[in-house]
Each structure stands twice: as C-alpha cells, then as structure tokens.
Amino acid sequence: MHQRLLWVDHFAGIIHEARYGTERVLHETHRWDLGHHIAAALPCARGGLLIAGRREVFRFDATGDTTPFVALEADPLIRINEAKCDARGRLWVGTLSTEFEPRAALYRITPDGTVTRLLEGVRLANGFDWSPDGATFYFIDSLSCAVDTFDFDMESGTIGNRRALIRIEYGAGAPNGMTVDREGCLWVALTGGGEVRRYAPNGVPLERITLPIPGATSCAFGGNDCSDLYITSRSGRMPDIALTIGVRPEMMEATGPAAGALYVCRPRVHGLPAHPFVD
C-alpha cells in the first residue's frame, strides 16, 4: 500500500523496510530494532503496523511507539509464529509449542480485539493463505509435512471441512511459509529442502525454485504488478525435531553470507496484494 517491502528478522527482533530506487534496485530505507522475537509486521489500513510476536499483538506507529492490542496465551511454551490478514482485514495468527507438542493453535482476531480460537492441537503453525475467490483456506502445520485445505466462509470468517491437499515427501524438507498467486496456485517454502515449490490448486506439483542454501522459510509476491516473488531464509541450525521428518543432516545447517538473506525472482506469474489490518 506504500510501495515498500517489509520483512522481519524473526529472532533478532528487527523490522526491515526497503524501497525500489533507480534500475529496480532495492534499498533498505529503515529498520526498527524491537529487541525481542517478532513473527510478523503487517500494515494497518489507517497507517502504522500491527506487530505479532511472543504471545501478544501490538500496534506500532511511525515514531516507534508501541501500544498493546491483544494477548493470546499465558503459556510460556507457546509463541506466535505466523500472522496474516484476510480480505476483510481480520488478523489470523498461528502459534507453536517450543517443545513441539500439539498444544498450539490458530486464531482469528477482529479489529475490535475479539480473539477466537479456530483450530487446536497444532504443533508448529506456519504458512497460510486464501484462494483468490476467498472460498478456500490453506494451512501448514510444518511437522505434519502437509498443506491442509479448509472451506472458508468470508462473511463469518470461519473454516471447516479440513482435508490434506499436499503431502511433502519424506526428506524433502519442512513446509513453512506460503503464498497463493492469481491463478490460484500455491507457493510453498521448504525449510531444510532449499527450495520453493509451486502447486496447482488440486495439489499437483508444477515447478520449483532452488535456493543456494537449505533454509528457505517463506515467500510473498510484491512489486508494482505483484510479479516479484520475495523469498526469506534462515541462518543457523534447524531444531533437531526436523530430523524426525526426514530432513537430511547436511540440510539442517544454513551458514555463510547467503544464509538468512532475502531473495527475489520473477517467476512469470502474478501474485495478489497483501491485505492490511482494518483498524
């Protein structure tokens, strides 16, 4: 909405802002160091950002001031891991259990601060998105090695009729963040697999983008015509729980200058603009 790219350094607690200069070169224009874990930084329709991190969501204005919005959990073993807004400007938040037990959840948060738990028994909530027509919700619990699909009711903001759409083969990596393009195809980042895959709406694999490091974490479309695909990555070692889903030992560690980098490519398809939080 402001022709800027926002991304976060998950564990360092830094929000980055970049804009395109001449010759379509991205230049970092600002960074904010919050000093604690951040899962997502989302634009608000009336300005400022909505920040999801630890076990709370708070507002963040241009001066760097923060205002509490909602708190989700009192359990110290639970933290927010993913957040995104639907087409009505409602905030959706997924959590994880730091012990990777099925005690995390998926929440919907309305602009008035009402928090509704929609899905329980989650271990590691990661990517989610909606089909272009808004009738389908996609969700990843990484340790299930699957992308699940739900029927979505736009008016009520509810989900139902869960079923598995995509199964990630053993050893290919953990499905992490995801996005949907204008054709309704799903782009899924595989952490410990070093790639982003594109799947048809029926779950058939179509193409893949390979990264020079194993730690692809998420992806999103942006740019003037939403034809740029931005891919985030991690540095360091994956949690050992990844070995139980077949991540190869040599793919567990992401090191060197390419690890933790932000990548961009043009895959010849267009994505959809992100929805702001309607405050």
C-alpha atoms as a PDB file:
ATOM      1  CA  MET A   1       0.000   0.000   0.000  1.00  0.00           C
ATOM      2  CA  HIS A   2       3.004   2.310   0.391  1.00  0.00           C
ATOM      3  CA  GLN A   3       5.211   0.709  -2.298  1.00  0.00           C
ATOM      4  CA  ARG A   4       7.575  -0.645   0.307  1.00  0.00           C
ATOM      5  CA  LEU A   5       8.818  -4.058   1.255  1.00  0.00           C
ATOM      6  CA  LEU A   6       8.643  -5.117   4.897  1.00  0.00           C
ATOM      7  CA  TRP A   7      10.247  -8.192   6.407  1.00  0.00           C
ATOM      8  CA  VAL A   8      11.389  -9.227   9.861  1.00  0.00           C
ATOM      9  CA  ASP A   9      14.423 -10.870  11.399  1.00  0.00           C
ATOM     10  CA  HIS A  10      12.489 -13.428  13.409  1.00  0.00           C
ATOM     11  CA  PHE A  11      14.827 -13.931  16.362  1.00  0.00           C
ATOM     12  CA  ALA A  12      16.806 -10.679  16.352  1.00  0.00           C
ATOM     13  CA  GLY A  13      13.559  -8.696  16.613  1.00  0.00           C
ATOM     14  CA  ILE A  14      14.297  -6.332  13.726  1.00  0.00           C
ATOM     15  CA  ILE A  15      11.787  -4.955  11.219  1.00  0.00           C
ATOM     16  CA  HIS A  16      13.316  -4.046   7.848  1.00  0.00           C
ATOM     17  CA  GLU A  17      11.836  -1.651   5.302  1.00  0.00           C
ATOM     18  CA  ALA A  18      13.090  -1.331   1.702  1.00  0.00           C
ATOM     19  CA  ARG A  19      12.000   0.559  -1.417  1.00  0.00           C
ATOM     20  CA  TYR A  20      12.974   0.375  -5.059  1.00  0.00           C
ATOM     21  CA  GLY A  21      15.325   3.049  -6.359  1.00  0.00           C
ATOM     22  CA  THR A  22      16.561   3.547  -9.892  1.00  0.00           C
ATOM     23  CA  GLU A  23      17.044   0.497 -12.119  1.00  0.00           C
ATOM     24  CA  ARG A  24      14.734  -1.514  -9.846  1.00  0.00           C
ATOM     25  CA  VAL A  25      17.331  -1.920  -7.131  1.00  0.00           C
ATOM     26  CA  LEU A  26      16.031  -2.395  -3.585  1.00  0.00           C
ATOM     27  CA  HIS A  27      17.492  -0.100  -0.944  1.00  0.00           C
ATOM     28  CA  GLU A  28      16.888  -0.520   2.763  1.00  0.00           C
ATOM     29  CA  THR A  29      15.226   2.691   3.921  1.00  0.00           C
ATOM     30  CA  HIS A  30      14.566   1.949   7.571  1.00  0.00           C
ATOM     31  CA  ARG A  31      14.941  -0.621  10.296  1.00  0.00           C
ATOM     32  CA  TRP A  32      13.460  -0.843  13.745  1.00  0.00           C
ATOM     33  CA  ASP A  33      15.060  -2.938  16.481  1.00  0.00           C
ATOM     34  CA  LEU A  34      12.405  -4.099  18.922  1.00  0.00           C
ATOM     35  CA  GLY A  35      14.782  -6.281  20.899  1.00  0.00           C
ATOM     36  CA  HIS A  36      12.516  -9.329  21.125  1.00  0.00           C
ATOM     37  CA  HIS A  37      11.046 -12.076  18.967  1.00  0.00           C
ATOM     38  CA  ILE A  38       8.850 -10.916  16.048  1.00  0.00           C
ATOM     39  CA  ALA A  39       6.724 -13.230  13.902  1.00  0.00           C
ATOM     40  CA  ALA A  40       5.198 -10.662  11.527  1.00  0.00           C
ATOM     41  CA  ALA A  41       4.843  -6.952  10.775  1.00  0.00           C
ATOM     42  CA  LEU A  42       1.601  -6.113   8.964  1.00  0.00           C
ATOM     43  CA  PRO A  43       0.396  -2.767   7.597  1.00  0.00           C
ATOM     44  CA  CYS A  44      -2.722  -1.181   9.065  1.00  0.00           C
ATOM     45  CA  ALA A  45      -5.283   0.489   6.808  1.00  0.00           C
ATOM     46  CA  ARG A  46      -5.021   3.770   8.729  1.00  0.00           C
ATOM     47  CA  GLY A  47      -1.237   3.762   8.967  1.00  0.00           C
ATOM     48  CA  GLY A  48       1.340   2.175  11.214  1.00  0.00           C
ATOM     49  CA  LEU A  49       1.953  -1.512  11.672  1.00  0.00           C
ATOM     50  CA  LEU A  50       0.496  -4.383  13.601  1.00  0.00           C
ATOM     51  CA  ILE A  51       3.279  -6.472  15.158  1.00  0.00           C
ATOM     52  CA  ALA A  52       2.847 -10.094  16.225  1.00  0.00           C
ATOM     53  CA  GLY A  53       5.497 -11.533  18.488  1.00  0.00           C
ATOM     54  CA  ARG A  54       5.989 -13.640  21.586  1.00  0.00           C
ATOM     55  CA  ARG A  55       2.400 -14.132  22.837  1.00  0.00           C
ATOM     56  CA  GLU A  56       0.933 -10.732  22.008  1.00  0.00           C
ATOM     57  CA  VAL A  57      -0.050  -8.408  19.210  1.00  0.00           C
ATOM     58  CA  PHE A  58       0.602  -4.687  19.445  1.00  0.00           C
ATOM     59  CA  ARG A  59       0.356  -1.543  17.339  1.00  0.00           C
ATOM     60  CA  PHE A  60       3.496   0.214  16.127  1.00  0.00           C
ATOM     61  CA  ASP A  61       3.446   3.778  14.794  1.00  0.00           C
ATOM     62  CA  ALA A  62       5.873   5.738  12.622  1.00  0.00           C
ATOM     63  CA  THR A  63       7.665   7.176  15.656  1.00  0.00           C
ATOM     64  CA  GLY A  64       8.426   3.712  17.015  1.00  0.00           C
ATOM     65  CA  ASP A  65       5.896   3.863  19.839  1.00  0.00           C
ATOM     66  CA  THR A  66       4.051   0.648  20.673  1.00  0.00           C
ATOM     67  CA  THR A  67       0.538   0.180  22.030  1.00  0.00           C
ATOM     68  CA  PRO A  68      -0.750  -3.208  23.306  1.00  0.00           C
ATOM     69  CA  PHE A  69      -3.616  -4.645  21.273  1.00  0.00           C
ATOM     70  CA  VAL A  70      -4.324  -8.229  22.370  1.00  0.00           C
ATOM     71  CA  ALA A  71      -2.584 -11.008  24.303  1.00  0.00           C
ATOM     72  CA  LEU A  72      -3.141 -14.616  23.232  1.00  0.00           C
ATOM     73  CA  GLU A  73      -1.588 -17.055  25.666  1.00  0.00           C
ATOM     74  CA  ALA A  74      -0.223 -17.169  29.194  1.00  0.00           C
ATOM     75  CA  ASP A  75       1.621 -20.433  28.494  1.00  0.00           C
ATOM     76  CA  PRO A  76       5.377 -19.606  28.325  1.00  0.00           C
ATOM     77  CA  LEU A  77       5.947 -22.568  25.988  1.00  0.00           C
ATOM     78  CA  ILE A  78       3.684 -21.042  23.325  1.00  0.00           C
ATOM     79  CA  ARG A  79       4.662 -18.217  20.985  1.00  0.00           C
ATOM     80  CA  ILE A  80       3.319 -16.643  17.816  1.00  0.00           C
ATOM     81  CA  ASN A  81       4.963 -17.932  14.652  1.00  0.00           C
ATOM     82  CA  GLU A  82       2.866 -16.607  11.745  1.00  0.00           C
ATOM     83  CA  ALA A  83       0.303 -13.879  11.040  1.00  0.00           C
ATOM     84  CA  LYS A  84      -1.617 -12.635   8.003  1.00  0.00           C
ATOM     85  CA  CYS A  85      -4.815 -10.692   7.268  1.00  0.00           C
ATOM     86  CA  ASP A  86      -7.764 -11.953   5.244  1.00  0.00           C
ATOM     87  CA  ALA A  87      -9.661  -9.931   2.633  1.00  0.00           C
ATOM     88  CA  ARG A  88     -11.907  -8.414   5.318  1.00  0.00           C
ATOM     89  CA  GLY A  89      -8.916  -7.112   7.267  1.00  0.00           C
ATOM     90  CA  ARG A  90      -9.201  -9.625  10.110  1.00  0.00           C
ATOM     91  CA  LEU A  91      -5.927 -10.841  11.604  1.00  0.00           C
ATOM     92  CA  TRP A  92      -5.105 -14.560  11.620  1.00  0.00           C
ATOM     93  CA  VAL A  93      -2.373 -15.779  13.952  1.00  0.00           C
ATOM     94  CA  GLY A  94      -0.726 -19.205  14.237  1.00  0.00           C
ATOM     95  CA  THR A  95       1.340 -20.297  17.235  1.00  0.00           C
ATOM     96  CA  LEU A  96       3.849 -23.008  18.000  1.00  0.00           C
ATOM     97  CA  SER A  97       4.836 -25.007  21.037  1.00  0.00           C
ATOM     98  CA  THR A  98       8.531 -24.576  21.788  1.00  0.00           C
ATOM     99  CA  GLU A  99       8.529 -28.259  22.788  1.00  0.00           C
ATOM    100  CA  PHE A 100       6.676 -29.100  19.539  1.00  0.00           C
ATOM    101  CA  GLU A 101       3.751 -30.664  21.356  1.00  0.00           C
ATOM    102  CA  PRO A 102       0.175 -30.397  19.969  1.00  0.00           C
ATOM    103  CA  ARG A 103      -0.798 -27.533  22.259  1.00  0.00           C
ATOM    104  CA  ALA A 104      -0.557 -24.556  19.855  1.00  0.00           C
ATOM    105  CA  ALA A 105      -3.444 -23.108  17.851  1.00  0.00           C
ATOM    106  CA  LEU A 106      -4.771 -20.921  15.049  1.00  0.00           C
ATOM    107  CA  TYR A 107      -6.644 -17.724  15.983  1.00  0.00           C
ATOM    108  CA  ARG A 108      -8.771 -15.092  14.283  1.00  0.00           C
ATOM    109  CA  ILE A 109      -8.630 -11.563  15.697  1.00  0.00           C
ATOM    110  CA  THR A 110     -11.179  -8.951  14.658  1.00  0.00           C
ATOM    111  CA  PRO A 111     -10.489  -5.188  14.622  1.00  0.00           C
ATOM    112  CA  ASP A 112     -12.310  -4.757  17.940  1.00  0.00           C
ATOM    113  CA  GLY A 113      -9.831  -7.115  19.597  1.00  0.00           C
ATOM    114  CA  THR A 114     -12.055 -10.192  19.821  1.00  0.00           C
ATOM    115  CA  VAL A 115      -9.887 -13.324  19.789  1.00  0.00           C
ATOM    116  CA  THR A 116     -11.365 -16.619  18.561  1.00  0.00           C
ATOM    117  CA  ARG A 117      -9.509 -19.920  18.602  1.00  0.00           C
ATOM    118  CA  LEU A 118     -10.403 -21.749  15.385  1.00  0.00           C
ATOM    119  CA  LEU A 119      -8.015 -24.686  15.394  1.00  0.00           C
ATOM    120  CA  GLU A 120      -6.409 -26.606  18.261  1.00  0.00           C
ATOM    121  CA  GLY A 121      -3.869 -29.419  18.519  1.00  0.00           C
ATOM    122  CA  VAL A 122      -1.309 -27.572  16.397  1.00  0.00           C
ATOM    123  CA  ARG A 123       2.407 -28.263  16.845  1.00  0.00           C
ATOM    124  CA  LEU A 124       4.103 -25.752  14.545  1.00  0.00           C
ATOM    125  CA  ALA A 125       1.767 -23.341  12.747  1.00  0.00           C
ATOM    126  CA  ASN A 126       3.411 -21.859   9.685  1.00  0.00           C
ATOM    127  CA  GLY A 127       2.174 -20.635   6.319  1.00  0.00           C
ATOM    128  CA  PHE A 128      -1.457 -19.956   5.491  1.00  0.00           C
ATOM    129  CA  ASP A 129      -3.351 -18.114   2.770  1.00  0.00           C
ATOM    130  CA  TRP A 130      -6.633 -17.968   0.877  1.00  0.00           C
ATOM    131  CA  SER A 131      -7.665 -18.852  -2.669  1.00  0.00           C
ATOM    132  CA  PRO A 132      -8.261 -15.851  -4.987  1.00  0.00           C
ATOM    133  CA  ASP A 133     -12.033 -16.305  -4.737  1.00  0.00           C
ATOM    134  CA  GLY A 134     -11.859 -16.426  -0.939  1.00  0.00           C
ATOM    135  CA  ALA A 135     -13.648 -19.781  -0.751  1.00  0.00           C
ATOM    136  CA  THR A 136     -10.685 -21.865   0.421  1.00  0.00           C
ATOM    137  CA  PHE A 137      -8.222 -21.501   3.295  1.00  0.00           C
ATOM    138  CA  TYR A 138      -4.831 -23.219   3.198  1.00  0.00           C
ATOM    139  CA  PHE A 139      -2.856 -24.039   6.341  1.00  0.00           C
ATOM    140  CA  ILE A 140       0.501 -25.610   7.190  1.00  0.00           C
ATOM    141  CA  ASP A 141       1.390 -27.355  10.436  1.00  0.00           C
ATOM    142  CA  SER A 142       5.026 -27.982   9.493  1.00  0.00           C
ATOM    143  CA  LEU A 143       5.558 -31.227  11.385  1.00  0.00           C
ATOM    144  CA  SER A 144       2.598 -32.812   9.584  1.00  0.00           C
ATOM    145  CA  CYS A 145       4.523 -32.406   6.296  1.00  0.00           C
ATOM    146  CA  ALA A 146       1.291 -31.395   4.621  1.00  0.00           C
ATOM    147  CA  VAL A 147      -0.670 -28.450   3.311  1.00  0.00           C
ATOM    148  CA  ASP A 148      -4.260 -28.726   4.504  1.00  0.00           C
ATOM    149  CA  THR A 149      -7.255 -27.068   2.907  1.00  0.00           C
ATOM    150  CA  PHE A 150     -10.492 -25.857   4.507  1.00  0.00           C
ATOM    151  CA  ASP A 151     -13.745 -24.426   3.239  1.00  0.00           C
ATOM    152  CA  PHE A 152     -13.768 -20.735   4.148  1.00  0.00           C
ATOM    153  CA  ASP A 153     -16.813 -18.567   4.877  1.00  0.00           C
ATOM    154  CA  MET A 154     -15.825 -14.989   4.146  1.00  0.00           C
ATOM    155  CA  GLU A 155     -18.776 -13.422   5.947  1.00  0.00           C
ATOM    156  CA  SER A 156     -18.279 -15.197   9.251  1.00  0.00           C
ATOM    157  CA  GLY A 157     -14.529 -15.760   8.949  1.00  0.00           C
ATOM    158  CA  THR A 158     -14.853 -19.447   9.807  1.00  0.00           C
ATOM    159  CA  ILE A 159     -13.200 -22.590   8.452  1.00  0.00           C
ATOM    160  CA  GLY A 160     -14.407 -26.166   8.122  1.00  0.00           C
ATOM    161  CA  ASN A 161     -14.145 -29.473   6.250  1.00  0.00           C
ATOM    162  CA  ARG A 162     -10.407 -29.962   6.758  1.00  0.00           C
ATOM    163  CA  ARG A 163      -8.557 -32.256   4.365  1.00  0.00           C
ATOM    164  CA  ALA A 164      -4.959 -32.756   3.206  1.00  0.00           C
ATOM    165  CA  LEU A 165      -4.216 -31.235  -0.198  1.00  0.00           C
ATOM    166  CA  ILE A 166      -0.431 -31.676  -0.497  1.00  0.00           C
ATOM    167  CA  ARG A 167       1.844 -34.249   1.133  1.00  0.00           C
ATOM    168  CA  ILE A 168       5.529 -33.343   1.232  1.00  0.00           C
ATOM    169  CA  GLU A 169       7.609 -36.452   0.649  1.00  0.00           C
ATOM    170  CA  TYR A 170       9.875 -37.704   3.418  1.00  0.00           C
ATOM    171  CA  GLY A 171      13.243 -35.962   3.360  1.00  0.00           C
ATOM    172  CA  ALA A 172      12.196 -33.053   1.108  1.00  0.00           C
ATOM    173  CA  GLY A 173      12.142 -30.541   3.957  1.00  0.00           C
ATOM    174  CA  ALA A 174       9.564 -28.996   6.264  1.00  0.00           C
ATOM    175  CA  PRO A 175       6.771 -26.961   4.631  1.00  0.00           C
ATOM    176  CA  ASN A 176       6.986 -23.470   6.074  1.00  0.00           C
ATOM    177  CA  GLY A 177       5.611 -20.179   4.758  1.00  0.00           C
ATOM    178  CA  MET A 178       3.400 -19.999   1.684  1.00  0.00           C
ATOM    179  CA  THR A 179       1.520 -17.695  -0.661  1.00  0.00           C
ATOM    180  CA  VAL A 180      -1.084 -18.015  -3.433  1.00  0.00           C
ATOM    181  CA  ASP A 181      -0.821 -16.495  -6.919  1.00  0.00           C
ATOM    182  CA  ARG A 182      -3.590 -15.059  -9.136  1.00  0.00           C
ATOM    183  CA  GLU A 183      -4.077 -18.395 -10.848  1.00  0.00           C
ATOM    184  CA  GLY A 184      -4.860 -20.000  -7.501  1.00  0.00           C
ATOM    185  CA  CYS A 185      -1.605 -21.934  -7.353  1.00  0.00           C
ATOM    186  CA  LEU A 186       0.226 -22.402  -4.060  1.00  0.00           C
ATOM    187  CA  TRP A 187       3.876 -21.495  -3.481  1.00  0.00           C
ATOM    188  CA  VAL A 188       5.367 -23.369  -0.514  1.00  0.00           C
ATOM    189  CA  ALA A 189       8.812 -22.785   1.024  1.00  0.00           C
ATOM    190  CA  LEU A 190      10.576 -25.954   2.180  1.00  0.00           C
ATOM    191  CA  THR A 191      12.953 -25.351   5.077  1.00  0.00           C
ATOM    192  CA  GLY A 192      15.711 -27.936   5.010  1.00  0.00           C
ATOM    193  CA  GLY A 193      14.865 -28.523   1.370  1.00  0.00           C
ATOM    194  CA  GLY A 194      16.340 -25.347  -0.070  1.00  0.00           C
ATOM    195  CA  GLU A 195      13.511 -24.640  -2.464  1.00  0.00           C
ATOM    196  CA  VAL A 196      10.115 -23.076  -3.055  1.00  0.00           C
ATOM    197  CA  ARG A 197       7.574 -25.227  -4.897  1.00  0.00           C
ATOM    198  CA  ARG A 198       4.539 -24.230  -6.912  1.00  0.00           C
ATOM    199  CA  TYR A 199       1.478 -26.482  -6.769  1.00  0.00           C
ATOM    200  CA  ALA A 200      -1.746 -26.378  -8.770  1.00  0.00           C
ATOM    201  CA  PRO A 201      -4.981 -25.803  -6.810  1.00  0.00           C
ATOM    202  CA  ASN A 202      -5.562 -29.585  -6.903  1.00  0.00           C
ATOM    203  CA  GLY A 203      -2.154 -30.221  -5.306  1.00  0.00           C
ATOM    204  CA  VAL A 204      -0.250 -31.308  -8.429  1.00  0.00           C
ATOM    205  CA  PRO A 205       3.386 -30.054  -8.383  1.00  0.00           C
ATOM    206  CA  LEU A 206       4.184 -27.651 -11.223  1.00  0.00           C
ATOM    207  CA  GLU A 207       7.620 -26.084 -10.753  1.00  0.00           C
ATOM    208  CA  ARG A 208      10.285 -25.253  -8.208  1.00  0.00           C
ATOM    209  CA  ILE A 209      12.776 -22.516  -7.381  1.00  0.00           C
ATOM    210  CA  THR A 210      16.062 -23.702  -5.882  1.00  0.00           C
ATOM    211  CA  LEU A 211      17.989 -21.558  -3.402  1.00  0.00           C
ATOM    212  CA  PRO A 212      21.744 -21.689  -2.723  1.00  0.00           C
ATOM    213  CA  ILE A 213      21.093 -22.500   0.932  1.00  0.00           C
ATOM    214  CA  PRO A 214      18.811 -25.094   2.600  1.00  0.00           C
ATOM    215  CA  GLY A 215      16.861 -22.686   4.790  1.00  0.00           C
ATOM    216  CA  ALA A 216      14.044 -21.209   2.670  1.00  0.00           C
ATOM    217  CA  THR A 217      11.413 -20.026   5.159  1.00  0.00           C
ATOM    218  CA  SER A 218       8.626 -18.119   3.412  1.00  0.00           C
ATOM    219  CA  CYS A 219       7.584 -16.316   0.247  1.00  0.00           C
ATOM    220  CA  ALA A 220       5.296 -13.490  -0.847  1.00  0.00           C
ATOM    221  CA  PHE A 221       4.516 -11.597  -4.035  1.00  0.00           C
ATOM    222  CA  GLY A 222       5.062  -7.857  -4.319  1.00  0.00           C
ATOM    223  CA  GLY A 223       6.291  -5.078  -6.563  1.00  0.00           C
ATOM    224  CA  ASN A 224       4.219  -2.738  -8.720  1.00  0.00           C
ATOM    225  CA  ASP A 225       2.391  -5.549 -10.512  1.00  0.00           C
ATOM    226  CA  CYS A 226       2.876  -8.292  -7.896  1.00  0.00           C
ATOM    227  CA  SER A 227       5.185 -10.162 -10.249  1.00  0.00           C
ATOM    228  CA  ASP A 228       8.181 -10.221  -7.881  1.00  0.00           C
ATOM    229  CA  LEU A 229       8.408 -13.237  -5.583  1.00  0.00           C
ATOM    230  CA  TYR A 230      10.311 -12.469  -2.381  1.00  0.00           C
ATOM    231  CA  ILE A 231      11.792 -15.426  -0.506  1.00  0.00           C
ATOM    232  CA  THR A 232      13.099 -15.259   3.046  1.00  0.00           C
ATOM    233  CA  SER A 233      15.643 -17.644   4.526  1.00  0.00           C
ATOM    234  CA  ARG A 234      17.077 -18.627   7.872  1.00  0.00           C
ATOM    235  CA  SER A 235      20.588 -18.979   9.220  1.00  0.00           C
ATOM    236  CA  GLY A 236      21.806 -21.416  11.819  1.00  0.00           C
ATOM    237  CA  ARG A 237      20.687 -24.933  12.617  1.00  0.00           C
ATOM    238  CA  MET A 238      17.140 -26.212  12.406  1.00  0.00           C
ATOM    239  CA  PRO A 239      15.658 -27.741  15.575  1.00  0.00           C
ATOM    240  CA  ASP A 240      16.520 -31.438  15.870  1.00  0.00           C
ATOM    241  CA  ILE A 241      12.827 -32.294  15.559  1.00  0.00           C
ATOM    242  CA  ALA A 242      13.329 -31.729  11.793  1.00  0.00           C
ATOM    243  CA  LEU A 243      15.375 -34.935  11.641  1.00  0.00           C
ATOM    244  CA  THR A 244      12.241 -36.911  12.563  1.00  0.00           C
ATOM    245  CA  ILE A 245      10.510 -35.799   9.352  1.00  0.00           C
ATOM    246  CA  GLY A 246      13.475 -36.781   7.239  1.00  0.00           C
ATOM    247  CA  VAL A 247      15.438 -33.555   6.828  1.00  0.00           C
ATOM    248  CA  ARG A 248      18.894 -34.718   5.808  1.00  0.00           C
ATOM    249  CA  PRO A 249      21.716 -33.944   8.290  1.00  0.00           C
ATOM    250  CA  GLU A 250      23.599 -31.896   5.703  1.00  0.00           C
ATOM    251  CA  MET A 251      20.485 -29.730   5.161  1.00  0.00           C
ATOM    252  CA  MET A 252      19.985 -28.935   8.839  1.00  0.00           C
ATOM    253  CA  GLU A 253      22.557 -26.140   8.929  1.00  0.00           C
ATOM    254  CA  ALA A 254      22.448 -22.871   6.941  1.00  0.00           C
ATOM    255  CA  THR A 255      25.724 -20.970   7.109  1.00  0.00           C
ATOM    256  CA  GLY A 256      27.681 -18.382   5.174  1.00  0.00           C
ATOM    257  CA  PRO A 257      26.699 -14.986   3.749  1.00  0.00           C
ATOM    258  CA  ALA A 258      23.761 -16.433   1.786  1.00  0.00           C
ATOM    259  CA  ALA A 259      22.106 -17.802   4.920  1.00  0.00           C
ATOM    260  CA  GLY A 260      19.413 -15.508   6.287  1.00  0.00           C
ATOM    261  CA  ALA A 261      19.346 -13.473   3.070  1.00  0.00           C
ATOM    262  CA  LEU A 262      16.285 -12.096   1.314  1.00  0.00           C
ATOM    263  CA  TYR A 263      15.909 -13.301  -2.285  1.00  0.00           C
ATOM    264  CA  VAL A 264      13.756 -12.027  -5.148  1.00  0.00           C
ATOM    265  CA  CYS A 265      12.879 -13.562  -8.515  1.00  0.00           C
ATOM    266  CA  ARG A 266      10.269 -13.158 -11.298  1.00  0.00           C
ATOM    267  CA  PRO A 267       8.517 -16.482 -11.918  1.00  0.00           C
ATOM    268  CA  ARG A 268       6.343 -15.211 -14.838  1.00  0.00           C
ATOM    269  CA  VAL A 269       3.132 -15.278 -12.818  1.00  0.00           C
ATOM    270  CA  HIS A 270       1.460 -12.593 -10.733  1.00  0.00           C
ATOM    271  CA  GLY A 271       0.534 -12.724  -7.105  1.00  0.00           C
ATOM    272  CA  LEU A 272      -2.085 -10.923  -5.065  1.00  0.00           C
ATOM    273  CA  PRO A 273      -1.510  -7.805  -2.927  1.00  0.00           C
ATOM    274  CA  ALA A 274      -1.367  -8.259   0.818  1.00  0.00           C
ATOM    275  CA  HIS A 275      -4.431  -7.227   2.800  1.00  0.00           C
ATOM    276  CA  PRO A 276      -3.934  -4.598   5.541  1.00  0.00           C
ATOM    277  CA  PHE A 277      -5.425  -4.896   9.005  1.00  0.00           C
ATOM    278  CA  VAL A 278      -8.646  -2.881   9.031  1.00  0.00           C
ATOM    279  CA  ASP A 279      -8.339  -0.919  12.257  1.00  0.00           C
END
